[in-house]
Amino acid sequence: MGKGTPSKGKKNKAASHKTCRRCGHHSYHRSKGECAYCGFGVTAKIRQPGWRNRCRPFDGNKGFYR
């Protein structure tokens, strides 16, 4: 089997993410063993990037920082 369309079509059978035990989001990668949202499995601290703490531009605050 090549690396084109026939092999890409087999990627729809198994889920790669499941619900995280720590944050509850559906972002725990089964094979990597780490959560993309909170960093569970990699770090003991909750993953909180700086861009996450900003207000969204459409929530009435017009993009100002909290």
PDB file of N, CA and C in Angstrom:
ATOM      1  N   MET A   1       0.847  -1.180   0.000  1.00  0.00           N
ATOM      2  CA  MET A   1       0.000   0.000   0.000  1.00  0.00           C
ATOM      3  C   MET A   1       0.890   1.240   0.000  1.00  0.00           C
ATOM      4  N   GLY A   2       0.483   2.196  -0.819  1.00  0.00           N
ATOM      5  CA  GLY A   2       1.251   3.422  -0.937  1.00  0.00           C
ATOM      6  C   GLY A   2       0.949   4.397   0.187  1.00  0.00           C
ATOM      7  N   LYS A   3       1.438   5.606   0.008  1.00  0.00           N
ATOM      8  CA  LYS A   3       1.234   6.615   1.045  1.00  0.00           C
ATOM      9  C   LYS A   3       0.209   7.670   0.639  1.00  0.00           C
ATOM     10  N   GLY A   4      -0.584   7.370  -0.358  1.00  0.00           N
ATOM     11  CA  GLY A   4      -1.554   8.341  -0.853  1.00  0.00           C
ATOM     12  C   GLY A   4      -2.958   8.091  -0.338  1.00  0.00           C
ATOM     13  N   THR A   5      -3.917   8.161  -1.260  1.00  0.00           N
ATOM     14  CA  THR A   5      -5.329   8.073  -0.908  1.00  0.00           C
ATOM     15  C   THR A   5      -5.713   6.741  -0.253  1.00  0.00           C
ATOM     16  N   PRO A   6      -5.231   5.584  -0.691  1.00  0.00           N
ATOM     17  CA  PRO A   6      -5.642   4.338  -0.041  1.00  0.00           C
ATOM     18  C   PRO A   6      -5.256   4.264   1.434  1.00  0.00           C
ATOM     19  N   SER A   7      -4.110   4.753   1.787  1.00  0.00           N
ATOM     20  CA  SER A   7      -3.701   4.686   3.190  1.00  0.00           C
ATOM     21  C   SER A   7      -4.379   5.766   4.025  1.00  0.00           C
ATOM     22  N   LYS A   8      -4.668   6.917   3.438  1.00  0.00           N
ATOM     23  CA  LYS A   8      -5.356   7.984   4.175  1.00  0.00           C
ATOM     24  C   LYS A   8      -6.801   7.609   4.478  1.00  0.00           C
ATOM     25  N   GLY A   9      -7.387   6.745   3.645  1.00  0.00           N
ATOM     26  CA  GLY A   9      -8.763   6.351   3.868  1.00  0.00           C
ATOM     27  C   GLY A   9      -8.948   5.450   5.066  1.00  0.00           C
ATOM     28  N   LYS A  10      -7.879   4.906   5.611  1.00  0.00           N
ATOM     29  CA  LYS A  10      -7.966   4.012   6.758  1.00  0.00           C
ATOM     30  C   LYS A  10      -7.892   4.750   8.091  1.00  0.00           C
ATOM     31  N   LYS A  11      -7.848   6.080   8.059  1.00  0.00           N
ATOM     32  CA  LYS A  11      -7.680   6.851   9.276  1.00  0.00           C
ATOM     33  C   LYS A  11      -8.992   7.154   9.999  1.00  0.00           C
ATOM     34  N   ASN A  12     -10.123   6.629   9.516  1.00  0.00           N
ATOM     35  CA  ASN A  12     -11.408   6.969  10.107  1.00  0.00           C
ATOM     36  C   ASN A  12     -11.942   5.897  11.039  1.00  0.00           C
ATOM     37  N   LYS A  13     -11.160   4.892  11.369  1.00  0.00           N
ATOM     38  CA  LYS A  13     -11.686   3.771  12.139  1.00  0.00           C
ATOM     39  C   LYS A  13     -11.502   3.933  13.649  1.00  0.00           C
ATOM     40  N   ALA A  14     -10.373   4.408  14.074  1.00  0.00           N
ATOM     41  CA  ALA A  14     -10.086   4.492  15.505  1.00  0.00           C
ATOM     42  C   ALA A  14      -9.967   5.947  15.938  1.00  0.00           C
ATOM     43  N   ALA A  15     -10.473   6.250  17.127  1.00  0.00           N
ATOM     44  CA  ALA A  15     -10.368   7.602  17.675  1.00  0.00           C
ATOM     45  C   ALA A  15      -8.991   7.796  18.286  1.00  0.00           C
ATOM     46  N   SER A  16      -8.408   8.946  18.044  1.00  0.00           N
ATOM     47  CA  SER A  16      -7.096   9.211  18.607  1.00  0.00           C
ATOM     48  C   SER A  16      -7.188   9.941  19.934  1.00  0.00           C
ATOM     49  N   HIS A  17      -8.303  10.630  20.206  1.00  0.00           N
ATOM     50  CA  HIS A  17      -8.477  11.363  21.455  1.00  0.00           C
ATOM     51  C   HIS A  17      -9.630  10.786  22.261  1.00  0.00           C
ATOM     52  N   LYS A  18      -9.524  10.936  23.586  1.00  0.00           N
ATOM     53  CA  LYS A  18     -10.619  10.576  24.475  1.00  0.00           C
ATOM     54  C   LYS A  18     -10.706  11.626  25.575  1.00  0.00           C
ATOM     55  N   THR A  19     -11.683  11.499  26.463  1.00  0.00           N
ATOM     56  CA  THR A  19     -11.898  12.486  27.504  1.00  0.00           C
ATOM     57  C   THR A  19     -10.766  12.441  28.517  1.00  0.00           C
ATOM     58  N   CYS A  20     -10.265  13.608  28.863  1.00  0.00           N
ATOM     59  CA  CYS A  20      -9.155  13.717  29.818  1.00  0.00           C
ATOM     60  C   CYS A  20      -9.668  13.530  31.237  1.00  0.00           C
ATOM     61  N   ARG A  21      -8.889  12.850  32.064  1.00  0.00           N
ATOM     62  CA  ARG A  21      -9.290  12.628  33.457  1.00  0.00           C
ATOM     63  C   ARG A  21      -9.185  13.893  34.279  1.00  0.00           C
ATOM     64  N   ARG A  22      -8.281  14.797  33.911  1.00  0.00           N
ATOM     65  CA  ARG A  22      -8.044  15.979  34.728  1.00  0.00           C
ATOM     66  C   ARG A  22      -8.921  17.155  34.341  1.00  0.00           C
ATOM     67  N   CYS A  23      -9.031  17.470  33.048  1.00  0.00           N
ATOM     68  CA  CYS A  23      -9.777  18.665  32.655  1.00  0.00           C
ATOM     69  C   CYS A  23     -11.160  18.350  32.111  1.00  0.00           C
ATOM     70  N   GLY A  24     -11.402  17.119  31.684  1.00  0.00           N
ATOM     71  CA  GLY A  24     -12.711  16.748  31.179  1.00  0.00           C
ATOM     72  C   GLY A  24     -12.926  17.037  29.708  1.00  0.00           C
ATOM     73  N   HIS A  25     -11.959  17.640  29.040  1.00  0.00           N
ATOM     74  CA  HIS A  25     -12.089  17.908  27.616  1.00  0.00           C
ATOM     75  C   HIS A  25     -11.739  16.659  26.812  1.00  0.00           C
ATOM     76  N   HIS A  26     -12.253  16.590  25.610  1.00  0.00           N
ATOM     77  CA  HIS A  26     -12.018  15.449  24.738  1.00  0.00           C
ATOM     78  C   HIS A  26     -10.736  15.680  23.955  1.00  0.00           C
ATOM     79  N   SER A  27      -9.620  15.771  24.658  1.00  0.00           N
ATOM     80  CA  SER A  27      -8.361  16.108  24.006  1.00  0.00           C
ATOM     81  C   SER A  27      -7.186  15.297  24.539  1.00  0.00           C
ATOM     82  N   TYR A  28      -7.442  14.184  25.207  1.00  0.00           N
ATOM     83  CA  TYR A  28      -6.369  13.309  25.675  1.00  0.00           C
ATOM     84  C   TYR A  28      -5.997  12.368  24.547  1.00  0.00           C
ATOM     85  N   HIS A  29      -4.763  12.461  24.067  1.00  0.00           N
ATOM     86  CA  HIS A  29      -4.296  11.649  22.947  1.00  0.00           C
ATOM     87  C   HIS A  29      -3.934  10.270  23.463  1.00  0.00           C
ATOM     88  N   ARG A  30      -4.565   9.244  22.903  1.00  0.00           N
ATOM     89  CA  ARG A  30      -4.392   7.891  23.424  1.00  0.00           C
ATOM     90  C   ARG A  30      -2.972   7.366  23.228  1.00  0.00           C
ATOM     91  N   SER A  31      -2.423   7.536  22.059  1.00  0.00           N
ATOM     92  CA  SER A  31      -1.107   6.963  21.798  1.00  0.00           C
ATOM     93  C   SER A  31       0.024   7.803  22.389  1.00  0.00           C
ATOM     94  N   LYS A  32      -0.141   9.123  22.425  1.00  0.00           N
ATOM     95  CA  LYS A  32       0.879   9.976  23.027  1.00  0.00           C
ATOM     96  C   LYS A  32       0.825   9.941  24.542  1.00  0.00           C
ATOM     97  N   GLY A  33      -0.385   9.750  25.091  1.00  0.00           N
ATOM     98  CA  GLY A  33      -0.540   9.733  26.534  1.00  0.00           C
ATOM     99  C   GLY A  33      -0.487  11.112  27.152  1.00  0.00           C
ATOM    100  N   GLU A  34      -0.946  12.120  26.420  1.00  0.00           N
ATOM    101  CA  GLU A  34      -0.931  13.477  26.950  1.00  0.00           C
ATOM    102  C   GLU A  34      -2.163  14.227  26.461  1.00  0.00           C
ATOM    103  N   CYS A  35      -2.585  15.198  27.284  1.00  0.00           N
ATOM    104  CA  CYS A  35      -3.755  15.998  26.948  1.00  0.00           C
ATOM    105  C   CYS A  35      -3.290  17.279  26.269  1.00  0.00           C
ATOM    106  N   ALA A  36      -3.926  17.609  25.156  1.00  0.00           N
ATOM    107  CA  ALA A  36      -3.561  18.814  24.417  1.00  0.00           C
ATOM    108  C   ALA A  36      -4.088  20.064  25.097  1.00  0.00           C
ATOM    109  N   TYR A  37      -5.127  19.940  25.920  1.00  0.00           N
ATOM    110  CA  TYR A  37      -5.733  21.105  26.547  1.00  0.00           C
ATOM    111  C   TYR A  37      -5.021  21.481  27.847  1.00  0.00           C
ATOM    112  N   CYS A  38      -4.862  20.532  28.758  1.00  0.00           N
ATOM    113  CA  CYS A  38      -4.319  20.875  30.081  1.00  0.00           C
ATOM    114  C   CYS A  38      -2.902  20.372  30.307  1.00  0.00           C
ATOM    115  N   GLY A  39      -2.375  19.507  29.438  1.00  0.00           N
ATOM    116  CA  GLY A  39      -1.013  19.017  29.590  1.00  0.00           C
ATOM    117  C   GLY A  39      -0.890  17.815  30.500  1.00  0.00           C
ATOM    118  N   PHE A  40      -1.996  17.142  30.816  1.00  0.00           N
ATOM    119  CA  PHE A  40      -1.947  15.967  31.674  1.00  0.00           C
ATOM    120  C   PHE A  40      -1.142  14.872  30.997  1.00  0.00           C
ATOM    121  N   GLY A  41      -0.268  14.235  31.745  1.00  0.00           N
ATOM    122  CA  GLY A  41       0.614  13.216  31.197  1.00  0.00           C
ATOM    123  C   GLY A  41       1.990  13.753  30.871  1.00  0.00           C
ATOM    124  N   VAL A  42       2.137  15.073  30.828  1.00  0.00           N
ATOM    125  CA  VAL A  42       3.417  15.692  30.533  1.00  0.00           C
ATOM    126  C   VAL A  42       3.909  16.498  31.732  1.00  0.00           C
ATOM    127  N   THR A  43       2.999  17.286  32.302  1.00  0.00           N
ATOM    128  CA  THR A  43       3.376  18.185  33.374  1.00  0.00           C
ATOM    129  C   THR A  43       2.395  18.075  34.534  1.00  0.00           C
ATOM    130  N   ALA A  44       2.857  18.382  35.721  1.00  0.00           N
ATOM    131  CA  ALA A  44       1.997  18.342  36.903  1.00  0.00           C
ATOM    132  C   ALA A  44       1.169  19.612  37.030  1.00  0.00           C
ATOM    133  N   LYS A  45       1.599  20.688  36.368  1.00  0.00           N
ATOM    134  CA  LYS A  45       0.861  21.945  36.415  1.00  0.00           C
ATOM    135  C   LYS A  45      -0.118  22.010  35.253  1.00  0.00           C
ATOM    136  N   ILE A  46      -1.219  22.727  35.459  1.00  0.00           N
ATOM    137  CA  ILE A  46      -2.204  22.904  34.398  1.00  0.00           C
ATOM    138  C   ILE A  46      -1.614  23.800  33.320  1.00  0.00           C
ATOM    139  N   ARG A  47      -1.743  23.364  32.084  1.00  0.00           N
ATOM    140  CA  ARG A  47      -1.201  24.130  30.957  1.00  0.00           C
ATOM    141  C   ARG A  47      -2.073  25.362  30.740  1.00  0.00           C
ATOM    142  N   GLN A  48      -1.491  26.555  30.884  1.00  0.00           N
ATOM    143  CA  GLN A  48      -2.222  27.808  30.695  1.00  0.00           C
ATOM    144  C   GLN A  48      -1.372  28.769  29.874  1.00  0.00           C
ATOM    145  N   PRO A  49      -1.461  28.714  28.554  1.00  0.00           N
ATOM    146  CA  PRO A  49      -0.700  29.642  27.725  1.00  0.00           C
ATOM    147  C   PRO A  49      -1.203  31.072  27.862  1.00  0.00           C
ATOM    148  N   GLY A  50      -0.358  32.034  27.537  1.00  0.00           N
ATOM    149  CA  GLY A  50      -0.707  33.432  27.699  1.00  0.00           C
ATOM    150  C   GLY A  50      -1.852  33.873  26.821  1.00  0.00           C
ATOM    151  N   TRP A  51      -1.988  33.285  25.627  1.00  0.00           N
ATOM    152  CA  TRP A  51      -3.047  33.712  24.725  1.00  0.00           C
ATOM    153  C   TRP A  51      -4.408  33.230  25.195  1.00  0.00           C
ATOM    154  N   ARG A  52      -4.452  32.272  26.117  1.00  0.00           N
ATOM    155  CA  ARG A  52      -5.732  31.759  26.581  1.00  0.00           C
ATOM    156  C   ARG A  52      -6.429  32.735  27.523  1.00  0.00           C
ATOM    157  N   ASN A  53      -5.692  33.618  28.183  1.00  0.00           N
ATOM    158  CA  ASN A  53      -6.252  34.510  29.184  1.00  0.00           C
ATOM    159  C   ASN A  53      -6.826  35.791  28.579  1.00  0.00           C
ATOM    160  N   ARG A  54      -6.715  35.980  27.286  1.00  0.00           N
ATOM    161  CA  ARG A  54      -7.244  37.175  26.655  1.00  0.00           C
ATOM    162  C   ARG A  54      -8.732  37.036  26.396  1.00  0.00           C
ATOM    163  N   CYS A  55      -9.431  38.146  26.361  1.00  0.00           N
ATOM    164  CA  CYS A  55     -10.858  38.118  26.050  1.00  0.00           C
ATOM    165  C   CYS A  55     -11.031  37.853  24.558  1.00  0.00           C
ATOM    166  N   ARG A  56     -12.105  37.208  24.223  1.00  0.00           N
ATOM    167  CA  ARG A  56     -12.421  36.978  22.829  1.00  0.00           C
ATOM    168  C   ARG A  56     -12.965  38.268  22.216  1.00  0.00           C
ATOM    169  N   PRO A  57     -12.703  38.538  20.948  1.00  0.00           N
ATOM    170  CA  PRO A  57     -13.125  39.811  20.356  1.00  0.00           C
ATOM    171  C   PRO A  57     -14.633  39.946  20.196  1.00  0.00           C
ATOM    172  N   PHE A  58     -15.397  38.867  20.302  1.00  0.00           N
ATOM    173  CA  PHE A  58     -16.834  38.946  20.070  1.00  0.00           C
ATOM    174  C   PHE A  58     -17.655  38.773  21.344  1.00  0.00           C
ATOM    175  N   ASP A  59     -17.044  38.948  22.528  1.00  0.00           N
ATOM    176  CA  ASP A  59     -17.806  38.753  23.763  1.00  0.00           C
ATOM    177  C   ASP A  59     -18.239  40.076  24.402  1.00  0.00           C
ATOM    178  N   GLY A  60     -18.162  41.174  23.666  1.00  0.00           N
ATOM    179  CA  GLY A  60     -18.612  42.452  24.196  1.00  0.00           C
ATOM    180  C   GLY A  60     -17.528  43.291  24.815  1.00  0.00           C
ATOM    181  N   ASN A  61     -16.329  42.722  25.006  1.00  0.00           N
ATOM    182  CA  ASN A  61     -15.240  43.483  25.631  1.00  0.00           C
ATOM    183  C   ASN A  61     -14.301  44.076  24.603  1.00  0.00           C
ATOM    184  N   LYS A  62     -14.552  43.846  23.354  1.00  0.00           N
ATOM    185  CA  LYS A  62     -13.805  44.423  22.243  1.00  0.00           C
ATOM    186  C   LYS A  62     -12.302  44.115  22.293  1.00  0.00           C
ATOM    187  N   GLY A  63     -11.951  42.929  22.793  1.00  0.00           N
ATOM    188  CA  GLY A  63     -10.569  42.489  22.734  1.00  0.00           C
ATOM    189  C   GLY A  63      -9.658  43.026  23.807  1.00  0.00           C
ATOM    190  N   PHE A  64     -10.182  43.665  24.830  1.00  0.00           N
ATOM    191  CA  PHE A  64      -9.315  44.150  25.895  1.00  0.00           C
ATOM    192  C   PHE A  64      -8.881  42.996  26.775  1.00  0.00           C
ATOM    193  N   TYR A  65      -7.761  43.193  27.454  1.00  0.00           N
ATOM    194  CA  TYR A  65      -7.273  42.174  28.363  1.00  0.00           C
ATOM    195  C   TYR A  65      -8.073  42.200  29.640  1.00  0.00           C
ATOM    196  N   ARG A  66      -8.152  41.062  30.287  1.00  0.00           N
ATOM    197  CA  ARG A  66      -8.898  40.968  31.557  1.00  0.00           C
ATOM    198  C   ARG A  66      -8.111  41.554  32.693  1.00  0.00           C
TER     199      ARG A  66
END
